[in-house]
Protein backbone atom coordinates (compact mmCIF):
# COMPACT_ATOMS: atom_id res chain seq x y z
CA MET A 1 0.00 0.00 0.00
CA PRO A 2 1.44 3.45 -0.86
CA PRO A 3 2.05 5.88 1.99
CA VAL A 4 -1.08 7.47 3.42
CA PHE A 5 0.94 10.32 4.91
CA PRO A 6 3.66 11.04 2.33
CA PRO A 7 6.30 13.44 3.66
CA CYS A 8 7.00 16.70 1.91
CA ALA A 9 9.39 15.88 -0.94
CA ALA A 10 11.65 18.77 0.02
CA SER A 11 12.07 17.84 3.67
CA GLN A 12 11.07 14.15 4.05
CA LEU A 13 9.58 15.24 7.38
CA ARG A 14 7.74 12.40 9.13
CA LEU A 15 6.08 14.71 11.62
CA GLY A 16 2.46 15.81 11.46
CA LEU A 17 0.53 18.41 13.44
CA GLY A 18 -2.09 17.09 15.86
CA GLY A 19 -4.99 19.44 16.36
CA ALA A 20 -6.14 18.83 19.95
CA PRO A 21 -4.35 21.92 21.37
CA LEU A 22 -5.94 24.00 18.59
CA GLY A 23 -9.26 23.14 20.24
CA ASN A 24 -8.06 24.70 23.52
CA LEU A 25 -7.13 21.49 25.29
CA PHE A 26 -6.53 22.32 28.99
CA SER A 27 -5.88 26.02 28.23
CA ALA A 28 -6.83 28.55 25.58
CA VAL A 29 -4.80 29.18 22.43
CA THR A 30 -5.46 32.50 20.71
CA ASP A 31 -6.53 32.61 17.07
CA ASP A 32 -3.29 34.40 16.21
CA ASP A 33 -1.16 31.75 17.91
CA ALA A 34 -3.13 28.96 16.25
CA GLN A 35 -2.60 30.53 12.83
CA ALA A 36 1.09 31.04 13.50
CA LEU A 37 1.51 27.40 14.54
CA VAL A 38 -0.18 25.97 11.44
CA ASP A 39 1.81 28.33 9.22
CA ALA A 40 5.09 27.41 10.94
CA ALA A 41 4.36 23.70 10.57
CA TRP A 42 3.65 24.19 6.87
CA ALA A 43 6.79 26.26 6.34
CA SER A 44 8.89 23.51 7.94
CA GLY A 45 7.61 20.91 5.48
CA CYS A 46 4.69 19.44 7.43
CA ARG A 47 1.94 18.22 5.13
CA SER A 48 -0.08 16.00 7.48
CA PHE A 49 -2.68 17.45 9.85
CA ASP A 50 -5.15 15.81 12.23
CA THR A 51 -8.25 17.13 13.96
CA ALA A 52 -11.62 15.98 15.33
CA PRO A 53 -15.06 17.35 16.26
CA HIS A 54 -14.15 16.52 19.87
CA TYR A 55 -11.30 19.06 19.88
CA GLY A 56 -12.97 22.19 21.20
CA HIS A 57 -16.38 21.13 19.83
CA GLY A 58 -15.36 22.03 16.28
CA LEU A 59 -12.93 24.83 17.12
CA SER A 60 -9.86 22.87 16.01
CA GLU A 61 -11.50 21.96 12.70
CA ARG A 62 -12.44 25.57 11.99
CA ARG A 63 -8.95 26.85 12.79
CA LEU A 64 -7.18 24.21 10.70
CA GLY A 65 -9.52 24.64 7.76
CA ASP A 66 -9.09 28.40 7.74
CA ARG A 67 -5.30 28.06 7.32
CA LEU A 68 -5.12 24.99 5.10
CA ARG A 69 -7.59 26.33 2.53
CA ARG A 70 -4.87 28.75 1.43
CA HIS A 71 -2.96 25.80 -0.06
CA PRO A 72 -3.79 23.49 -2.99
CA ARG A 73 -5.95 20.66 -1.69
CA ASP A 74 -3.77 17.88 -3.08
CA ASP A 75 -0.69 19.27 -1.29
CA PHE A 76 -1.68 18.10 2.21
CA VAL A 77 -3.22 15.15 4.08
CA LEU A 78 -6.01 15.96 6.53
CA SER A 79 -7.73 13.59 8.94
CA SER A 80 -10.71 14.00 11.24
CA LYS A 81 -12.89 11.61 13.22
CA VAL A 82 -16.40 10.23 13.65
CA GLY A 83 -18.37 8.96 16.63
CA ARG A 84 -19.29 12.28 18.24
CA VAL A 85 -21.93 14.49 16.63
CA LEU A 86 -22.12 18.14 17.71
CA VAL A 87 -25.55 19.54 18.61
CA PRO A 88 -26.05 23.33 18.92
CA ASP A 89 -26.80 24.42 22.48
CA ALA A 90 -26.62 28.05 23.61
CA GLY A 91 -26.46 26.88 27.23
CA ALA A 92 -23.62 24.42 26.76
CA PRO A 93 -20.78 24.89 29.26
CA ARG A 94 -17.77 26.69 27.85
CA ALA A 95 -15.47 24.05 29.35
CA GLN A 96 -16.08 20.36 28.65
CA HIS A 97 -13.99 17.19 28.39
CA GLY A 98 -10.75 18.99 29.20
CA TYR A 99 -11.30 21.77 26.61
CA VAL A 100 -11.89 25.41 27.54
CA ASP A 101 -13.48 28.35 25.70
CA ILE A 102 -15.13 25.91 23.32
CA LEU A 103 -17.84 26.50 20.73
CA PRO A 104 -21.53 26.32 21.84
CA PHE A 105 -22.30 22.68 21.13
CA ARG A 106 -22.98 19.48 23.04
CA GLN A 107 -21.40 16.19 22.07
CA VAL A 108 -23.67 13.23 21.35
CA TRP A 109 -22.23 9.77 20.79
CA ASP A 110 -23.46 8.41 17.47
CA PHE A 111 -21.80 5.46 15.71
CA SER A 112 -24.81 4.79 13.47
CA ALA A 113 -24.52 4.88 9.70
CA ALA A 114 -26.56 8.09 9.57
CA GLY A 115 -24.54 9.65 12.39
CA THR A 116 -21.29 8.72 10.66
CA ARG A 117 -22.36 10.43 7.45
CA ARG A 118 -23.56 13.49 9.35
CA SER A 119 -20.28 13.67 11.26
CA VAL A 120 -18.18 13.63 8.08
CA GLU A 121 -20.39 16.16 6.31
CA ASP A 122 -20.45 18.46 9.34
CA SER A 123 -16.66 18.26 9.64
CA LEU A 124 -16.27 19.17 5.98
CA GLN A 125 -18.48 22.22 6.48
CA ARG A 126 -16.44 23.36 9.49
CA LEU A 127 -13.22 22.79 7.55
CA GLY A 128 -14.57 24.42 4.39
CA LEU A 129 -13.28 21.50 2.32
CA SER A 130 -14.83 18.85 0.11
CA ARG A 131 -13.08 15.72 1.35
CA LEU A 132 -11.16 14.13 4.20
CA ASP A 133 -8.06 12.14 3.42
CA VAL A 134 -8.62 9.99 6.51
CA ALA A 135 -11.65 9.43 8.73
CA TYR A 136 -11.00 7.67 12.03
CA VAL A 137 -13.60 6.10 14.32
CA HIS A 138 -12.85 7.97 17.54
CA ASP A 139 -12.50 6.27 20.96
CA PRO A 140 -14.57 3.06 20.54
CA ASP A 141 -13.02 1.61 23.71
CA ALA A 142 -13.95 0.34 27.16
CA ALA A 143 -12.25 3.19 29.02
CA THR A 144 -14.58 5.62 27.22
CA HIS A 145 -17.80 3.62 27.08
CA GLY A 146 -17.63 1.36 30.11
CA ALA A 147 -20.30 -1.33 30.19
CA ARG A 148 -21.57 -0.25 26.76
CA ALA A 149 -18.21 -0.97 25.11
CA PRO A 150 -19.20 -4.36 23.57
CA GLU A 151 -22.36 -2.82 22.11
CA VAL A 152 -20.38 0.14 20.74
CA LEU A 153 -17.79 -2.13 19.17
CA ARG A 154 -20.47 -4.24 17.51
CA GLN A 155 -22.03 -1.11 16.03
CA VAL A 156 -18.64 0.14 14.83
CA ILE A 157 -18.07 -3.10 12.92
CA ASP A 158 -21.64 -3.44 11.62
CA GLU A 159 -22.52 0.21 10.89
CA THR A 160 -19.74 2.76 11.28
CA LEU A 161 -17.06 1.11 9.16
CA PRO A 162 -19.48 0.12 6.34
CA ALA A 163 -20.77 3.72 6.30
CA LEU A 164 -17.19 5.00 6.02
CA ARG A 165 -16.51 2.56 3.18
CA GLN A 166 -19.55 3.99 1.36
CA LEU A 167 -18.25 7.54 1.92
CA LYS A 168 -14.91 6.36 0.57
CA GLN A 169 -16.60 5.11 -2.60
CA GLU A 170 -18.28 8.51 -2.94
CA GLY A 171 -14.97 10.33 -2.67
CA LEU A 172 -15.71 12.17 0.59
CA VAL A 173 -13.05 10.09 2.38
CA ARG A 174 -9.90 8.47 1.02
CA ALA A 175 -8.90 6.15 3.87
CA ILE A 176 -10.60 4.83 6.99
CA GLY A 177 -9.41 3.59 10.36
CA LEU A 178 -9.61 3.81 14.13
CA GLY A 179 -8.40 6.57 16.44
CA THR A 180 -7.76 5.10 19.88
CA ASN A 181 -5.28 4.46 22.67
CA ASP A 182 -6.58 0.90 23.22
CA VAL A 183 -4.61 -1.93 21.62
CA ASP A 184 -7.21 -4.60 22.38
CA VAL A 185 -10.06 -2.79 20.63
CA VAL A 186 -7.98 -2.54 17.45
CA LEU A 187 -7.18 -6.25 17.56
CA GLN A 188 -10.88 -7.03 18.01
CA VAL A 189 -11.84 -4.92 15.01
CA LEU A 190 -9.10 -6.43 12.84
CA ARG A 191 -10.55 -9.89 13.46
CA GLU A 192 -13.66 -8.87 11.52
CA ALA A 193 -12.82 -5.87 9.36
CA ASP A 194 -10.12 -4.32 7.24
CA LEU A 195 -8.62 -0.92 8.03
CA ASP A 196 -6.46 1.35 5.91
CA VAL A 197 -4.90 3.30 8.76
CA LEU A 198 -4.67 3.55 12.51
CA MET A 199 -4.24 6.56 14.76
CA LEU A 200 -2.69 4.95 17.82
CA ALA A 201 -2.05 7.18 20.83
CA GLY A 202 0.45 6.36 23.54
CA ARG A 203 0.73 2.60 23.11
CA TYR A 204 4.01 2.50 21.22
CA SER A 205 6.49 4.85 22.80
CA LEU A 206 9.90 4.85 24.42
CA LEU A 207 8.07 4.00 27.65
CA ASP A 208 5.01 1.95 26.66
CA HIS A 209 5.56 -0.95 24.24
CA SER A 210 2.16 -2.62 24.58
CA ALA A 211 1.41 -2.47 20.84
CA LEU A 212 4.69 -4.16 19.89
CA PRO A 213 4.10 -7.89 20.41
CA GLU A 214 0.88 -8.42 18.44
CA LEU A 215 -0.65 -5.28 16.95
CA LEU A 216 2.32 -3.81 15.09
CA PRO A 217 3.23 -7.09 13.34
CA GLN A 218 -0.41 -7.44 12.26
CA CYS A 219 -0.39 -3.93 10.87
CA VAL A 220 2.77 -4.66 8.88
CA ALA A 221 1.33 -7.92 7.52
CA ARG A 222 -2.00 -6.36 6.55
CA GLY A 223 -0.71 -3.05 5.25
CA VAL A 224 -2.37 -0.93 7.95
CA ARG A 225 -0.37 2.28 8.14
CA ILE A 226 0.02 3.91 11.55
CA ALA A 227 -0.04 7.58 12.45
CA LEU A 228 1.34 7.51 15.97
CA GLY A 229 0.16 9.97 18.59
CA GLY A 230 1.08 10.40 22.23
CA VAL A 231 4.80 9.71 21.82
CA PHE A 232 5.42 11.70 25.01
CA ASN A 233 2.70 9.68 26.84
CA SER A 234 0.84 12.94 27.59
CA GLY A 235 3.82 14.56 29.28
CA ILE A 236 6.25 12.35 31.15
CA LEU A 237 8.55 11.82 28.15
CA ALA A 238 8.56 15.54 27.39
CA THR A 239 9.21 16.88 30.87
CA GLY A 240 10.97 13.93 32.48
CA THR A 241 10.70 13.18 36.18
CA ARG A 242 12.89 15.88 37.68
CA HIS A 243 10.75 18.98 37.24
CA GLY A 244 7.56 18.51 39.19
CA ALA A 245 4.58 16.17 38.80
CA ALA A 246 4.78 13.94 35.73
CA THR A 247 1.72 12.83 33.79
CA PHE A 248 1.18 9.53 31.97
CA ASN A 249 -1.90 8.85 29.88
CA TYR A 250 -3.46 12.17 30.99
CA ALA A 251 -3.22 11.39 34.72
CA PRO A 252 -0.55 11.64 37.41
CA ALA A 253 2.07 9.02 36.54
CA ALA A 254 2.17 5.89 38.67
CA GLY A 255 5.40 5.07 40.46
CA THR A 256 6.35 2.29 38.06
CA TRP A 257 6.23 4.69 35.10
CA VAL A 258 8.14 7.35 37.01
CA GLU A 259 10.86 4.87 38.00
CA ARG A 260 11.20 3.52 34.46
CA THR A 261 11.37 7.00 32.99
CA ALA A 262 14.03 8.00 35.52
CA ARG A 263 16.15 5.04 34.39
CA ILE A 264 15.75 6.12 30.75
CA GLU A 265 16.72 9.66 31.74
CA ALA A 266 19.90 8.35 33.33
CA VAL A 267 20.91 6.68 30.05
CA CYS A 268 20.01 9.85 28.15
CA GLU A 269 22.26 11.86 30.46
CA ALA A 270 25.15 9.42 30.04
CA TYR A 271 24.98 9.67 26.25
CA GLY A 272 24.07 13.36 25.95
CA VAL A 273 20.67 12.61 24.40
CA PRO A 274 17.64 14.80 25.19
CA LEU A 275 14.75 12.65 26.41
CA ARG A 276 12.44 14.31 23.88
CA ALA A 277 14.77 13.38 21.01
CA ALA A 278 14.79 9.73 22.00
CA ALA A 279 11.00 9.73 22.44
CA LEU A 280 10.39 11.21 18.99
CA GLN A 281 12.93 9.14 17.07
CA PHE A 282 12.39 5.72 18.62
CA PRO A 283 8.90 4.82 17.27
CA LEU A 284 9.68 5.96 13.72
CA ALA A 285 12.07 3.02 13.38
CA HIS A 286 9.21 0.51 13.32
CA PRO A 287 8.06 -0.38 9.77
CA ALA A 288 4.39 -0.07 10.73
CA VAL A 289 4.76 3.56 11.80
CA GLU A 290 4.46 5.97 8.91
CA ILE A 291 4.37 9.25 10.80
CA VAL A 292 4.33 10.77 14.30
CA MET A 293 1.59 13.31 15.01
CA LEU A 294 2.61 16.01 17.49
CA GLY A 295 0.01 17.94 19.47
CA ALA A 296 1.99 21.17 19.64
CA ARG A 297 0.46 24.21 21.33
CA GLN A 298 2.78 26.93 20.06
CA VAL A 299 5.47 27.55 17.46
CA ALA A 300 8.28 27.05 19.99
CA GLU A 301 7.07 23.50 20.74
CA TRP A 302 6.96 22.68 17.04
CA GLU A 303 10.45 24.05 16.48
CA ASP A 304 11.75 22.08 19.44
CA ALA A 305 10.30 18.88 17.98
CA LEU A 306 12.03 19.58 14.66
CA ALA A 307 15.33 20.03 16.47
CA MET A 308 14.81 16.83 18.48
CA LEU A 309 14.11 14.82 15.33
CA GLN A 310 17.40 16.03 13.86
CA HIS A 311 19.45 15.40 17.01
CA ARG A 312 22.11 12.80 16.24
CA ILE A 313 21.86 9.73 18.51
CA GLN A 314 24.69 7.24 18.47
CA PRO A 315 23.78 3.53 18.23
CA GLY A 316 25.32 2.80 21.61
CA PHE A 317 22.50 4.71 23.28
CA TRP A 318 19.88 2.25 22.03
CA THR A 319 22.12 -0.68 22.92
CA ALA A 320 22.42 0.64 26.48
CA LEU A 321 18.64 0.87 26.80
CA ARG A 322 18.29 -2.75 25.66
CA GLU A 323 21.00 -3.97 28.01
CA GLN A 324 19.20 -2.36 30.95
CA GLY A 325 15.89 -3.97 29.98
CA LEU A 326 14.35 -0.64 28.98
CA LEU A 327 13.70 -1.65 25.37
CA PRO A 328 12.40 -5.02 24.16
CA ALA A 329 14.87 -7.05 22.12
CA GLU A 330 12.47 -7.12 19.14
CA ALA A 331 11.90 -3.34 19.02
CA PRO A 332 13.58 -1.76 15.98
CA THR A 333 15.75 1.26 16.72
CA PRO A 334 16.90 4.11 14.49
């Protein structure tokens, strides 16, 4: 299968811009800063962008669309997600689901065929574009849906994915997949359905290798291309353990994760490798991973990521991590 997220020919940059911060995740981003970030990413060679209705209740989609429409449509790859439909509500709280200063809508879960079509068409209107390159089914997992998770998964297989395949035939979508941080739910779907792509968050990183034994080999064998999110595991691999409370998977990091990260930091220090550089470069070595999507909040964060991707890491660093049991023997390294 050809690349879903081809890098810019001039830069060969395998880094895409994730749009959650553009929806005011945790704190507000001004319109000017959002525009500057998208423009800086484009200028650096980034041609892959991801968003979702969930991100600020449409705010991220509107901001990305406003900047990307200035460029020829075939020059970039844009993904969004289905599963949540936005319903207008003047009384909706301005802070919901971790997002602040959001647009006046409520989220309604809807994995039905009709809801899937509405979600894609609504996203295209917010973006001001006529197609999505990728549509992901967003968060069809037990952590999100609790006791309803088996019912949701059945509907995803029976209704959502067939509806996306129909939209693909109509040209509104070019590729379809799942957007999740749950390895098991992807494996369950792959037992019954084919996917083009996968947005996997946090489950293949320098710290968390849970996707490595079974899911990544399946993706290679079946040609499912992965856009990898959460390479910093929501914070701990960006900040390390020495500067205040560390977060893992959007919560205070448990002691086991803190201890393991501290051991990785010690190897980084011995070899003069920034932790962020190792975290960004490591997952790109796996043949299933096509691109890393970075949820940058400001231009400085994007520029730092570019510098970390270019930081030269000697092979002995990866060998040292293996020898200390911090990397699995089967994990490819740069």
